[in-house]
Amino acid sequence: MKNNRLLNKTTIFLCFIALLYGCSNAYSQSRSYNRSQKTSRSNKKSKRQNDFSNKENDHYQEIRVMFYNVENLFDTDDDPKKQDDDFLPDGQMHWTPGRYYRHLRKTAQVISAIGEWGTPALCGLCEVENDSVLIRLLNRTPLKEQHYSYCITKGSDARGINNALIYQRDKFKYLGHSSERIPFTNKRKRSRDILHVWGDLINGEQLDLFVCHFPSRSGGEKETEQDRMDAAKFLRKLCDSLYRINAESNIIIMGDFNDNPSDKSIQTLIKGSKSKYNLINLFGDAGKLNFHGTHKFQGEWSQLDQIMISRHWNNYLKEGSPRIFAPDFLLSKKNSRGEQNPLRKYTGKTYKGGYSDHLPIVADFLLLLSPDN
């Protein structure tokens, strides 16, 4: 009897121990599960925060705008209607296919280098001969990977050079363009047309771009001033026509103006009929620029290449971004006085194999996107 009672007490004690162990294990598993759930919720929260952060970053799209005078980007074919004989294989410049292809590759190198992480969304070019040159530039060089499209003027320049725009289709939806002939006071004057391109941006707004190459100073600065004044007044009228339709027009004007920001033609161009229609010259203040200028003549730098924008478009300007692109590979070695020049293609008729007699300019803009973009 005693043995049975002892057995029963032992059984009850063991059951009690088992019960305590089970509760303890269940509690431990519960805490482990809760910690796991808490960690999972924390990870999910962190992921949502990262997703939100990434989404916030995606609310802006950067638009890099570039202008570049590419210095006589001719093909090697004769155009009987233009004075392009110098840039033929048997011409004074001995413009061979090898030199032509080399210049294409170098031009592509500059456009790629100025893009840093990619290439500019919008790139204005001047001194381009024709469509075939652009087709080869965009399809037979590393620029092929960037999926550019282009448009070009059909001007009356005696040598046959034109203005062009290349643009990335995912950042600029092309709607149309026109080749605007300048009405000169001198009826016999022939020059490059102004390229006007319009299209939609990813934020739903329209952008109007003008790519220019104003008449040169060849023949004397004062003697040719009226030609540049004619071009400036005509371009100002084109801008005013846009403002009459939309007082908050987005306008970019870029080009080689063959005048400095303080010269009469540029001052005429930027001044609107109302102050709110004034244009902003992003390269008008030499003190804010990172380099001496874009063109050097007889030892003096000039800021002939400029980008001007409307006041509304200025809202999107990335502060501090307007700059002259002047890496070492575009410049000659420093002389004994520490001076440099653009590493150009020709010096006179001597082939140097460089890039251009002008340096490119660039500015960045940030577009605020809607949640649907």
Protein backbone atom coordinates (compact mmCIF):
# COMPACT_ATOMS: atom_id res chain seq x y z
CA MET A 1 0.00 0.00 0.00
CA LYS A 2 2.83 2.32 0.92
CA ASN A 3 4.54 1.46 -2.31
CA ASN A 4 1.42 2.35 -4.29
CA ARG A 5 1.09 5.70 -2.52
CA LEU A 6 4.77 6.42 -3.13
CA LEU A 7 4.36 5.49 -6.79
CA ASN A 8 1.36 7.79 -7.12
CA LYS A 9 3.26 10.71 -5.49
CA THR A 10 6.21 10.09 -7.79
CA THR A 11 3.91 9.99 -10.83
CA ILE A 12 2.20 13.21 -9.79
CA PHE A 13 5.57 14.91 -9.19
CA LEU A 14 6.89 13.84 -12.62
CA CYS A 15 3.70 15.05 -14.31
CA PHE A 16 4.05 18.37 -12.52
CA ILE A 17 7.69 18.68 -13.68
CA ALA A 18 6.63 17.82 -17.24
CA LEU A 19 3.88 20.37 -17.09
CA LEU A 20 6.31 23.05 -15.89
CA TYR A 21 8.78 22.14 -18.65
CA GLY A 22 6.07 22.28 -21.29
CA CYS A 23 4.88 25.69 -20.14
CA SER A 24 8.45 26.97 -20.02
CA ASN A 25 9.17 25.67 -23.52
CA ALA A 26 5.96 27.11 -24.85
CA TYR A 27 6.78 30.47 -23.28
CA SER A 28 10.28 30.36 -24.74
CA GLN A 29 8.93 29.52 -28.20
CA SER A 30 6.34 32.25 -27.84
CA ARG A 31 9.02 34.82 -27.01
CA SER A 32 11.15 33.55 -29.91
CA TYR A 33 8.15 33.80 -32.24
CA ASN A 34 7.35 37.29 -30.98
CA ARG A 35 10.95 38.38 -31.51
CA SER A 36 10.83 36.88 -35.00
CA GLN A 37 7.59 38.67 -35.75
CA LYS A 38 8.99 41.91 -34.37
CA THR A 39 12.12 41.55 -36.49
CA SER A 40 9.99 40.74 -39.53
CA ARG A 41 7.80 43.78 -38.92
CA SER A 42 10.93 45.88 -38.41
CA ASN A 43 12.41 44.61 -41.67
CA LYS A 44 9.15 45.26 -43.49
CA LYS A 45 9.00 48.75 -41.99
CA SER A 46 12.62 49.35 -43.01
CA LYS A 47 11.85 48.10 -46.52
CA ARG A 48 8.82 50.40 -46.75
CA GLN A 49 10.98 53.30 -45.58
CA ASN A 50 13.62 52.45 -48.17
CA ASP A 51 10.95 52.12 -50.84
CA PHE A 52 9.53 55.47 -49.79
CA SER A 53 12.98 57.01 -49.81
CA ASN A 54 13.65 55.64 -53.29
CA LYS A 55 10.27 56.86 -54.42
CA GLU A 56 11.07 60.29 -53.03
CA ASN A 57 14.31 60.28 -55.00
CA ASP A 58 12.40 59.34 -58.11
CA HIS A 59 10.21 62.41 -57.73
CA TYR A 60 12.85 64.40 -59.57
CA GLN A 61 14.35 63.85 -62.96
CA GLU A 62 17.56 65.60 -63.93
CA ILE A 63 17.76 67.14 -67.39
CA ARG A 64 21.29 67.97 -68.50
CA VAL A 65 21.51 70.53 -71.31
CA MET A 66 24.66 71.00 -73.35
CA PHE A 67 25.82 73.21 -76.22
CA TYR A 68 28.90 72.61 -78.32
CA ASN A 69 30.41 74.26 -81.40
CA VAL A 70 31.99 71.20 -82.99
CA GLU A 71 34.18 73.16 -85.48
CA ASN A 72 33.45 72.24 -89.07
CA LEU A 73 31.93 68.79 -88.76
CA PHE A 74 31.87 68.08 -92.51
CA ASP A 75 31.57 64.81 -94.35
CA THR A 76 33.92 64.06 -97.26
CA ASP A 77 31.32 64.33 -100.03
CA ASP A 78 31.07 67.34 -102.32
CA ASP A 79 27.89 69.41 -102.14
CA PRO A 80 27.80 71.30 -105.46
CA LYS A 81 25.41 73.88 -103.98
CA LYS A 82 27.74 74.80 -101.10
CA GLN A 83 31.29 76.04 -100.70
CA ASP A 84 32.59 72.92 -98.96
CA ASP A 85 35.56 72.34 -101.30
CA ASP A 86 38.12 72.98 -98.55
CA PHE A 87 36.76 70.03 -96.59
CA LEU A 88 37.22 67.40 -99.25
CA PRO A 89 40.04 64.82 -99.50
CA ASP A 90 41.72 66.91 -102.23
CA GLY A 91 40.81 70.26 -100.65
CA GLN A 92 43.05 72.70 -98.78
CA MET A 93 42.31 71.00 -95.44
CA HIS A 94 42.94 67.50 -96.86
CA TRP A 95 39.77 66.33 -95.16
CA THR A 96 40.16 62.59 -95.55
CA PRO A 97 37.72 59.88 -94.38
CA GLY A 98 40.19 59.03 -91.59
CA ARG A 99 40.16 62.59 -90.25
CA TYR A 100 36.39 62.77 -90.59
CA TYR A 101 35.81 59.54 -88.63
CA ARG A 102 38.31 60.64 -86.01
CA HIS A 103 36.45 63.91 -85.53
CA LEU A 104 33.18 62.02 -85.12
CA ARG A 105 34.69 59.82 -82.41
CA LYS A 106 36.17 62.81 -80.62
CA THR A 107 32.84 64.67 -80.72
CA ALA A 108 31.11 61.60 -79.29
CA GLN A 109 33.80 61.41 -76.59
CA VAL A 110 33.09 64.98 -75.48
CA ILE A 111 29.32 64.45 -75.38
CA SER A 112 29.77 61.25 -73.36
CA ALA A 113 32.31 62.79 -70.98
CA ILE A 114 30.12 65.78 -70.19
CA GLY A 115 27.31 63.41 -69.23
CA GLU A 116 29.34 61.83 -66.41
CA TRP A 117 26.82 59.05 -65.55
CA GLY A 118 25.27 58.94 -69.04
CA THR A 119 24.87 61.58 -71.70
CA PRO A 120 23.04 64.93 -71.85
CA ALA A 121 19.30 64.78 -72.43
CA LEU A 122 19.47 67.76 -74.80
CA CYS A 123 22.56 68.74 -76.77
CA GLY A 124 22.70 71.66 -79.19
CA LEU A 125 25.38 71.55 -81.89
CA CYS A 126 26.58 74.07 -84.44
CA GLU A 127 28.87 73.84 -87.49
CA VAL A 128 27.28 70.54 -88.53
CA GLU A 129 27.08 70.05 -92.29
CA ASN A 130 24.06 67.82 -92.83
CA ASP A 131 21.89 64.84 -91.85
CA SER A 132 24.44 62.24 -92.92
CA VAL A 133 26.98 63.59 -90.45
CA LEU A 134 24.49 63.32 -87.58
CA ILE A 135 23.34 59.86 -88.64
CA ARG A 136 26.92 58.63 -88.57
CA LEU A 137 27.61 60.42 -85.26
CA LEU A 138 24.62 58.80 -83.57
CA ASN A 139 24.92 55.36 -85.14
CA ARG A 140 28.63 54.73 -85.80
CA THR A 141 30.11 55.91 -82.50
CA PRO A 142 29.54 54.91 -78.84
CA LEU A 143 26.59 57.32 -78.84
CA LYS A 144 24.65 54.53 -80.55
CA GLU A 145 23.89 53.08 -77.10
CA GLN A 146 22.22 56.31 -75.97
CA HIS A 147 19.30 56.15 -78.46
CA TYR A 148 19.43 59.76 -79.56
CA SER A 149 17.21 61.32 -82.20
CA TYR A 150 18.04 64.56 -83.98
CA CYS A 151 16.74 67.51 -85.98
CA ILE A 152 18.73 70.01 -88.06
CA THR A 153 18.28 73.28 -89.95
CA LYS A 154 18.50 73.75 -93.70
CA GLY A 155 20.08 77.20 -93.71
CA SER A 156 21.57 79.37 -96.42
CA ASP A 157 25.12 79.50 -95.03
CA ALA A 158 27.56 79.67 -97.93
CA ARG A 159 29.71 76.82 -96.60
CA GLY A 160 26.70 74.67 -95.77
CA ILE A 161 27.04 74.42 -91.98
CA ASN A 162 23.90 74.13 -89.85
CA ASN A 163 22.54 74.01 -86.30
CA ALA A 164 21.27 70.77 -84.79
CA LEU A 165 19.77 69.29 -81.66
CA ILE A 166 20.20 65.71 -80.47
CA TYR A 167 17.83 64.58 -77.75
CA GLN A 168 17.03 61.50 -75.66
CA ARG A 169 13.52 60.32 -76.47
CA ASP A 170 12.78 59.09 -72.93
CA LYS A 171 13.33 62.59 -71.49
CA PHE A 172 12.05 64.81 -74.28
CA LYS A 173 9.02 63.98 -76.40
CA TYR A 174 9.64 65.69 -79.74
CA LEU A 175 6.59 67.41 -81.19
CA GLY A 176 8.05 69.46 -84.02
CA HIS A 177 10.75 71.82 -85.25
CA SER A 178 11.27 74.64 -87.73
CA SER A 179 14.25 76.18 -89.51
CA GLU A 180 13.87 79.95 -89.01
CA ARG A 181 15.47 82.14 -91.67
CA ILE A 182 16.84 85.45 -90.28
CA PRO A 183 15.65 88.58 -92.15
CA PHE A 184 18.89 90.55 -92.47
CA THR A 185 19.11 94.26 -93.18
CA ASN A 186 21.72 93.34 -95.76
CA LYS A 187 19.55 91.43 -98.23
CA ARG A 188 22.58 89.61 -99.64
CA LYS A 189 23.59 88.22 -96.25
CA ARG A 190 23.53 84.43 -95.96
CA SER A 191 23.84 82.65 -92.63
CA ARG A 192 22.71 79.76 -90.48
CA ASP A 193 19.00 79.46 -89.72
CA ILE A 194 17.84 79.40 -86.11
CA LEU A 195 16.64 75.94 -85.09
CA HIS A 196 13.39 76.00 -83.09
CA VAL A 197 12.39 72.70 -81.48
CA TRP A 198 9.39 72.09 -79.25
CA GLY A 199 8.32 69.07 -77.25
CA ASP A 200 6.90 67.73 -73.99
CA LEU A 201 8.78 66.96 -70.81
CA ILE A 202 8.10 64.11 -68.42
CA ASN A 203 6.38 66.49 -65.98
CA GLY A 204 3.78 67.32 -68.63
CA GLU A 205 5.05 70.80 -69.50
CA GLN A 206 6.16 71.95 -72.95
CA LEU A 207 9.69 73.15 -73.65
CA ASP A 208 10.77 75.37 -76.55
CA LEU A 209 14.43 75.29 -77.54
CA PHE A 210 16.37 77.52 -79.91
CA VAL A 211 19.81 76.55 -81.20
CA CYS A 212 21.72 79.46 -82.75
CA HIS A 213 24.93 80.36 -84.50
CA PHE A 214 24.92 84.13 -85.01
CA PRO A 215 26.94 85.70 -87.86
CA SER A 216 30.66 85.87 -87.22
CA ARG A 217 32.89 88.90 -86.71
CA SER A 218 34.83 88.11 -89.86
CA GLY A 219 35.33 91.45 -91.59
CA GLY A 220 35.41 93.40 -88.33
CA GLU A 221 33.40 93.47 -85.12
CA LYS A 222 31.75 96.84 -85.79
CA GLU A 223 31.30 96.16 -89.50
CA THR A 224 29.35 92.97 -88.79
CA GLU A 225 27.48 94.12 -85.66
CA GLN A 226 24.25 94.82 -87.56
CA ASP A 227 24.08 91.21 -88.71
CA ARG A 228 24.12 89.96 -85.12
CA MET A 229 21.63 92.65 -84.12
CA ASP A 230 19.28 91.44 -86.87
CA ALA A 231 19.59 87.88 -85.56
CA ALA A 232 19.00 88.98 -81.95
CA LYS A 233 15.90 91.06 -82.80
CA PHE A 234 14.43 88.23 -84.85
CA LEU A 235 15.01 85.66 -82.09
CA ARG A 236 13.49 88.06 -79.57
CA LYS A 237 10.34 88.21 -81.72
CA LEU A 238 10.17 84.42 -81.78
CA CYS A 239 10.32 84.37 -77.97
CA ASP A 240 7.68 87.12 -77.69
CA SER A 241 5.34 85.09 -79.87
CA LEU A 242 5.61 82.24 -77.35
CA TYR A 243 4.95 84.58 -74.44
CA ARG A 244 1.78 85.85 -76.09
CA ILE A 245 0.47 82.29 -76.02
CA ASN A 246 1.78 81.41 -72.56
CA ALA A 247 3.22 83.97 -70.13
CA GLU A 248 5.02 81.13 -68.31
CA SER A 249 6.69 79.57 -71.31
CA ASN A 250 9.66 77.26 -70.77
CA ILE A 251 12.36 78.55 -73.12
CA ILE A 252 16.00 77.58 -73.62
CA ILE A 253 18.20 79.47 -76.06
CA MET A 254 21.69 78.12 -76.64
CA GLY A 255 24.35 78.83 -79.17
CA ASP A 256 27.51 80.46 -80.39
CA PHE A 257 26.48 84.12 -80.55
CA ASN A 258 29.85 85.51 -81.69
CA ASP A 259 29.28 88.24 -79.09
CA ASN A 260 29.95 88.43 -75.37
CA PRO A 261 27.17 88.74 -72.77
CA SER A 262 27.72 92.49 -72.41
CA ASP A 263 27.51 93.19 -76.14
CA LYS A 264 24.57 95.00 -77.69
CA SER A 265 23.07 92.02 -79.51
CA ILE A 266 22.90 89.89 -76.35
CA GLN A 267 21.42 92.72 -74.29
CA THR A 268 18.78 93.22 -76.99
CA LEU A 269 17.95 89.52 -76.98
CA ILE A 270 17.46 89.11 -73.22
CA LYS A 271 15.26 92.20 -72.76
CA GLY A 272 11.53 91.54 -73.17
CA SER A 273 8.61 93.92 -73.68
CA LYS A 274 7.87 93.35 -69.96
CA SER A 275 10.37 92.57 -67.23
CA LYS A 276 8.73 89.19 -66.60
CA TYR A 277 9.57 88.27 -70.18
CA ASN A 278 13.28 89.01 -69.73
CA LEU A 279 15.59 86.08 -70.37
CA ILE A 280 18.22 84.97 -67.87
CA ASN A 281 21.73 84.49 -69.24
CA LEU A 282 23.27 81.61 -67.29
CA PHE A 283 26.72 82.60 -68.60
CA GLY A 284 26.32 86.36 -68.26
CA ASP A 285 28.40 86.79 -65.10
CA ALA A 286 32.06 85.94 -65.69
CA GLY A 287 32.70 86.08 -61.94
CA LYS A 288 30.47 83.03 -61.38
CA LEU A 289 32.00 80.89 -64.11
CA ASN A 290 34.52 78.13 -63.52
CA PHE A 291 36.79 78.96 -66.48
CA HIS A 292 38.13 81.93 -68.47
CA GLY A 293 35.79 81.51 -71.44
CA THR A 294 34.82 79.18 -74.28
CA HIS A 295 36.82 80.66 -77.17
CA LYS A 296 40.28 82.18 -77.38
CA PHE A 297 41.35 84.59 -80.10
CA GLN A 298 44.69 86.42 -80.22
CA GLY A 299 45.43 85.45 -76.63
CA GLU A 300 42.12 86.65 -75.16
CA TRP A 301 39.27 84.48 -73.90
CA SER A 302 35.68 85.31 -74.85
CA GLN A 303 32.32 83.92 -73.69
CA LEU A 304 30.75 83.52 -77.14
CA ASP A 305 28.85 80.37 -76.18
CA GLN A 306 25.90 80.95 -73.89
CA ILE A 307 22.65 79.45 -72.60
CA MET A 308 19.69 81.74 -71.85
CA ILE A 309 16.44 80.68 -70.26
CA SER A 310 12.99 82.04 -69.45
CA ARG A 311 12.12 82.99 -65.88
CA HIS A 312 9.69 80.11 -65.49
CA TRP A 313 12.25 77.56 -66.64
CA ASN A 314 14.70 79.09 -64.17
CA ASN A 315 12.58 77.55 -61.38
CA TYR A 316 14.01 74.17 -62.41
CA LEU A 317 17.66 75.23 -62.59
CA LYS A 318 19.99 73.22 -60.39
CA GLU A 319 21.87 75.80 -58.38
CA GLY A 320 25.51 76.17 -59.34
CA SER A 321 25.25 73.85 -62.34
CA PRO A 322 25.95 76.23 -65.29
CA ARG A 323 29.58 75.71 -66.21
CA ILE A 324 32.14 75.57 -68.96
CA PHE A 325 33.35 72.04 -69.63
CA ALA A 326 37.13 72.38 -69.63
CA PRO A 327 38.84 69.07 -68.81
CA ASP A 328 42.55 68.72 -69.57
CA PHE A 329 41.95 66.57 -72.64
CA LEU A 330 40.20 69.50 -74.38
CA LEU A 331 43.07 71.89 -73.68
CA SER A 332 46.63 72.28 -74.91
CA LYS A 333 49.55 71.86 -72.57
CA LYS A 334 50.37 74.92 -70.50
CA ASN A 335 53.01 77.21 -71.95
CA SER A 336 55.76 78.94 -69.96
CA ARG A 337 53.20 81.48 -68.69
CA GLY A 338 50.79 78.76 -67.60
CA GLU A 339 48.33 79.57 -70.40
CA GLN A 340 46.24 77.05 -72.34
CA ASN A 341 44.13 77.06 -75.49
CA PRO A 342 41.30 74.87 -76.73
CA LEU A 343 42.86 71.84 -78.41
CA ARG A 344 41.45 72.53 -81.84
CA LYS A 345 41.28 70.46 -84.98
CA TYR A 346 43.29 72.81 -87.19
CA THR A 347 45.64 75.72 -86.67
CA GLY A 348 45.30 77.55 -89.93
CA LYS A 349 45.62 74.77 -92.48
CA THR A 350 47.77 72.58 -90.27
CA TYR A 351 45.94 69.54 -88.95
CA LYS A 352 46.33 69.13 -85.18
CA GLY A 353 43.82 66.33 -84.60
CA GLY A 354 42.15 68.07 -81.66
CA TYR A 355 38.51 68.57 -80.77
CA SER A 356 37.27 72.11 -81.46
CA ASP A 357 38.22 75.77 -81.19
CA HIS A 358 35.34 76.15 -78.69
CA LEU A 359 34.72 74.59 -75.28
CA PRO A 360 31.27 73.14 -74.49
CA ILE A 361 28.89 74.58 -71.91
CA VAL A 362 26.39 72.75 -69.71
CA ALA A 363 23.56 73.36 -67.22
CA ASP A 364 21.37 70.99 -65.20
CA PHE A 365 17.67 71.22 -64.42
CA LEU A 366 15.52 69.26 -61.95
CA LEU A 367 11.93 68.43 -62.90
CA LEU A 368 9.44 67.64 -60.15
CA LEU A 369 7.43 64.61 -61.20
CA SER A 370 3.85 63.72 -60.32
CA PRO A 371 3.23 60.43 -58.38
CA ASP A 372 1.94 58.86 -61.61
CA ASN A 373 5.26 59.29 -63.42
